């Protein structure tokens, strides 16, 4: 970190350090999720299952996951 030359610099440093932890955790979860998907859905492992999905159901999942990530990371800022 650069040298702290402002009166509120220690707060900014604390914010950067505290927000870095959840971001790194989210990154590791996403990498693990992709690796698991690659292993489970290898070529030739199983036949494809086609699903038209339920728009409202999928939208609610996306909204819930996005909200958890938003409030988990950006909630630190408030």
N, C-alpha and C. Protein backbone atom coordinates (compact mmCIF):
# COMPACT_ATOMS: atom_id res chain seq x y z
N UNK A 1 0.85 -1.18 0.00
CA UNK A 1 0.00 0.00 0.00
C UNK A 1 0.89 1.24 0.00
N UNK A 2 0.47 2.27 -0.69
CA UNK A 2 1.24 3.51 -0.68
C UNK A 2 1.21 4.17 0.71
N UNK A 3 2.09 5.09 0.89
CA UNK A 3 2.18 5.81 2.17
C UNK A 3 0.91 6.62 2.39
N UNK A 4 0.42 6.62 3.64
CA UNK A 4 -0.80 7.31 4.01
C UNK A 4 -0.49 8.79 4.23
N UNK A 5 -1.02 9.65 3.35
CA UNK A 5 -0.73 11.08 3.47
C UNK A 5 -1.96 11.91 3.78
N UNK A 6 -3.12 11.27 3.92
CA UNK A 6 -4.34 12.03 4.22
C UNK A 6 -4.81 11.72 5.64
N UNK A 7 -5.72 12.55 6.13
CA UNK A 7 -6.23 12.33 7.48
C UNK A 7 -7.12 11.09 7.57
N UNK A 8 -7.83 10.78 6.49
CA UNK A 8 -8.74 9.65 6.49
C UNK A 8 -8.16 8.44 5.75
N UNK A 9 -6.88 8.46 5.49
CA UNK A 9 -6.24 7.37 4.75
C UNK A 9 -6.34 6.03 5.45
N UNK A 10 -6.29 6.02 6.78
CA UNK A 10 -6.39 4.75 7.50
C UNK A 10 -7.75 4.10 7.30
N UNK A 11 -8.79 4.91 7.12
CA UNK A 11 -10.13 4.35 6.85
C UNK A 11 -10.19 3.70 5.47
N UNK A 12 -9.58 4.35 4.51
CA UNK A 12 -9.56 3.81 3.15
C UNK A 12 -8.76 2.52 3.12
N UNK A 13 -7.63 2.49 3.81
CA UNK A 13 -6.83 1.26 3.88
C UNK A 13 -7.62 0.13 4.53
N UNK A 14 -8.36 0.45 5.61
CA UNK A 14 -9.17 -0.56 6.28
C UNK A 14 -10.26 -1.07 5.34
N UNK A 15 -10.87 -0.18 4.60
CA UNK A 15 -11.93 -0.57 3.67
C UNK A 15 -11.39 -1.49 2.58
N UNK A 16 -10.26 -1.14 2.02
CA UNK A 16 -9.66 -1.97 0.98
C UNK A 16 -9.32 -3.34 1.53
N UNK A 17 -8.73 -3.39 2.69
CA UNK A 17 -8.35 -4.68 3.28
C UNK A 17 -9.57 -5.52 3.66
N UNK A 18 -10.60 -4.90 4.20
CA UNK A 18 -11.76 -5.67 4.64
C UNK A 18 -12.63 -6.13 3.47
N UNK A 19 -12.68 -5.38 2.38
CA UNK A 19 -13.48 -5.78 1.22
C UNK A 19 -12.73 -6.82 0.39
N UNK A 20 -11.43 -6.86 0.49
CA UNK A 20 -10.65 -7.83 -0.28
C UNK A 20 -10.95 -9.26 0.15
N UNK A 21 -11.23 -9.47 1.43
CA UNK A 21 -11.48 -10.82 1.93
C UNK A 21 -12.74 -11.43 1.29
N UNK A 22 -13.91 -10.77 1.32
CA UNK A 22 -15.08 -11.39 0.66
C UNK A 22 -14.91 -11.54 -0.85
N UNK A 23 -14.19 -10.62 -1.47
CA UNK A 23 -13.99 -10.73 -2.92
C UNK A 23 -13.14 -11.94 -3.25
N UNK A 24 -12.10 -12.19 -2.48
CA UNK A 24 -11.27 -13.37 -2.70
C UNK A 24 -12.07 -14.64 -2.45
N UNK A 25 -12.91 -14.65 -1.41
CA UNK A 25 -13.75 -15.82 -1.14
C UNK A 25 -14.72 -16.07 -2.29
N UNK A 26 -15.34 -15.03 -2.82
CA UNK A 26 -16.25 -15.19 -3.96
C UNK A 26 -15.50 -15.71 -5.19
N UNK A 27 -14.31 -15.22 -5.40
CA UNK A 27 -13.50 -15.70 -6.53
C UNK A 27 -13.20 -17.18 -6.39
N UNK A 28 -12.80 -17.62 -5.20
CA UNK A 28 -12.49 -19.03 -4.98
C UNK A 28 -13.72 -19.91 -5.14
N UNK A 29 -14.88 -19.44 -4.67
CA UNK A 29 -16.11 -20.19 -4.84
C UNK A 29 -16.45 -20.34 -6.32
N UNK A 30 -16.30 -19.27 -7.09
CA UNK A 30 -16.61 -19.34 -8.53
C UNK A 30 -15.65 -20.27 -9.27
N UNK A 31 -14.38 -20.23 -8.91
CA UNK A 31 -13.41 -21.13 -9.56
C UNK A 31 -13.75 -22.58 -9.22
N UNK A 32 -14.07 -22.85 -7.95
CA UNK A 32 -14.44 -24.21 -7.57
C UNK A 32 -15.70 -24.65 -8.30
N UNK A 33 -16.67 -23.75 -8.44
CA UNK A 33 -17.91 -24.06 -9.14
C UNK A 33 -17.63 -24.42 -10.61
N UNK A 34 -16.74 -23.68 -11.25
CA UNK A 34 -16.41 -23.97 -12.65
C UNK A 34 -15.67 -25.30 -12.78
N UNK A 35 -14.76 -25.59 -11.85
CA UNK A 35 -14.02 -26.86 -11.90
C UNK A 35 -14.98 -28.02 -11.70
N UNK A 36 -15.90 -27.90 -10.75
CA UNK A 36 -16.89 -28.96 -10.53
C UNK A 36 -17.75 -29.15 -11.78
N UNK A 37 -18.17 -28.07 -12.41
CA UNK A 37 -18.97 -28.16 -13.63
C UNK A 37 -18.19 -28.84 -14.75
N UNK A 38 -16.90 -28.54 -14.85
CA UNK A 38 -16.07 -29.17 -15.89
C UNK A 38 -15.94 -30.67 -15.65
N UNK A 39 -15.81 -31.07 -14.41
CA UNK A 39 -15.66 -32.50 -14.10
C UNK A 39 -16.98 -33.23 -14.31
N UNK A 40 -18.07 -32.64 -13.85
CA UNK A 40 -19.38 -33.30 -13.95
C UNK A 40 -19.85 -33.38 -15.40
N UNK A 41 -19.59 -32.37 -16.19
CA UNK A 41 -20.11 -32.30 -17.56
C UNK A 41 -19.04 -32.58 -18.61
N UNK A 42 -18.16 -33.50 -18.30
CA UNK A 42 -17.14 -33.87 -19.29
C UNK A 42 -17.79 -34.44 -20.54
N UNK A 43 -17.06 -34.35 -21.64
CA UNK A 43 -17.58 -34.85 -22.91
C UNK A 43 -17.78 -36.37 -22.84
N UNK A 44 -18.94 -36.83 -23.25
CA UNK A 44 -19.22 -38.25 -23.28
C UNK A 44 -19.65 -38.83 -21.94
N UNK A 45 -19.71 -38.03 -20.91
CA UNK A 45 -20.06 -38.56 -19.59
C UNK A 45 -21.56 -38.90 -19.53
N UNK A 46 -22.41 -38.06 -20.10
CA UNK A 46 -23.85 -38.33 -20.08
C UNK A 46 -24.52 -37.56 -21.20
N UNK A 47 -25.74 -37.98 -21.48
CA UNK A 47 -26.52 -37.32 -22.51
C UNK A 47 -27.00 -35.95 -22.02
N UNK A 48 -27.17 -35.04 -22.94
CA UNK A 48 -27.65 -33.71 -22.60
C UNK A 48 -29.13 -33.78 -22.23
N UNK A 49 -29.51 -33.03 -21.22
CA UNK A 49 -30.90 -32.94 -20.81
C UNK A 49 -31.38 -31.53 -21.12
N UNK A 50 -32.36 -31.43 -22.01
CA UNK A 50 -32.85 -30.13 -22.43
C UNK A 50 -34.01 -29.71 -21.54
N UNK A 51 -33.98 -28.47 -21.12
CA UNK A 51 -35.01 -27.95 -20.23
C UNK A 51 -35.33 -26.53 -20.67
N UNK A 52 -36.60 -26.25 -20.84
CA UNK A 52 -36.99 -24.90 -21.23
C UNK A 52 -36.91 -23.94 -20.05
N UNK A 53 -36.90 -24.49 -18.85
CA UNK A 53 -36.76 -23.65 -17.66
C UNK A 53 -38.04 -22.91 -17.33
N UNK A 54 -38.04 -22.35 -16.18
CA UNK A 54 -39.15 -21.54 -15.72
C UNK A 54 -38.60 -20.14 -15.52
N UNK A 55 -39.06 -19.20 -16.31
CA UNK A 55 -38.50 -17.85 -16.30
C UNK A 55 -38.53 -17.19 -14.93
N UNK A 56 -39.64 -17.25 -14.24
CA UNK A 56 -39.76 -16.61 -12.93
C UNK A 56 -38.85 -17.29 -11.91
N UNK A 57 -38.78 -18.61 -11.96
CA UNK A 57 -37.94 -19.36 -11.03
C UNK A 57 -36.46 -19.01 -11.23
N UNK A 58 -36.01 -19.00 -12.48
CA UNK A 58 -34.62 -18.67 -12.77
C UNK A 58 -34.31 -17.21 -12.43
N UNK A 59 -35.26 -16.33 -12.69
CA UNK A 59 -35.05 -14.92 -12.36
C UNK A 59 -34.93 -14.72 -10.86
N UNK A 60 -35.74 -15.42 -10.07
CA UNK A 60 -35.65 -15.30 -8.61
C UNK A 60 -34.31 -15.82 -8.10
N UNK A 61 -33.83 -16.92 -8.65
CA UNK A 61 -32.51 -17.41 -8.25
C UNK A 61 -31.43 -16.37 -8.55
N UNK A 62 -31.48 -15.78 -9.73
CA UNK A 62 -30.49 -14.77 -10.11
C UNK A 62 -30.57 -13.55 -9.19
N UNK A 63 -31.78 -13.12 -8.87
CA UNK A 63 -31.95 -11.96 -7.99
C UNK A 63 -31.43 -12.26 -6.59
N UNK A 64 -31.72 -13.44 -6.07
CA UNK A 64 -31.26 -13.80 -4.73
C UNK A 64 -29.74 -13.89 -4.67
N UNK A 65 -29.13 -14.56 -5.64
CA UNK A 65 -27.66 -14.69 -5.66
C UNK A 65 -27.01 -13.32 -5.82
N UNK A 66 -27.55 -12.49 -6.70
CA UNK A 66 -26.99 -11.15 -6.91
C UNK A 66 -27.12 -10.30 -5.65
N UNK A 67 -28.24 -10.43 -4.96
CA UNK A 67 -28.43 -9.66 -3.72
C UNK A 67 -27.46 -10.08 -2.64
N UNK A 68 -27.25 -11.39 -2.50
CA UNK A 68 -26.31 -11.88 -1.49
C UNK A 68 -24.90 -11.37 -1.78
N UNK A 69 -24.50 -11.43 -3.05
CA UNK A 69 -23.17 -10.94 -3.41
C UNK A 69 -23.08 -9.43 -3.20
N UNK A 70 -24.09 -8.70 -3.62
CA UNK A 70 -24.06 -7.24 -3.48
C UNK A 70 -23.97 -6.83 -2.01
N UNK A 71 -24.86 -7.37 -1.17
CA UNK A 71 -24.86 -6.97 0.22
C UNK A 71 -23.68 -7.55 1.00
N UNK A 72 -23.16 -8.68 0.53
CA UNK A 72 -21.99 -9.27 1.18
C UNK A 72 -20.72 -8.48 0.95
N UNK A 73 -20.56 -7.97 -0.26
CA UNK A 73 -19.34 -7.22 -0.59
C UNK A 73 -19.55 -5.73 -0.38
N UNK A 74 -20.60 -5.18 -0.97
CA UNK A 74 -20.82 -3.75 -0.88
C UNK A 74 -21.41 -3.33 0.45
N UNK A 75 -21.96 -4.26 1.19
CA UNK A 75 -22.48 -3.95 2.52
C UNK A 75 -21.39 -3.48 3.46
N UNK A 76 -20.16 -3.92 3.22
CA UNK A 76 -19.02 -3.47 4.03
C UNK A 76 -18.80 -1.97 3.88
N UNK A 77 -19.13 -1.45 2.71
CA UNK A 77 -18.87 -0.04 2.46
C UNK A 77 -19.79 0.88 3.26
N UNK A 78 -20.97 0.40 3.61
CA UNK A 78 -21.90 1.22 4.36
C UNK A 78 -21.64 1.10 5.83
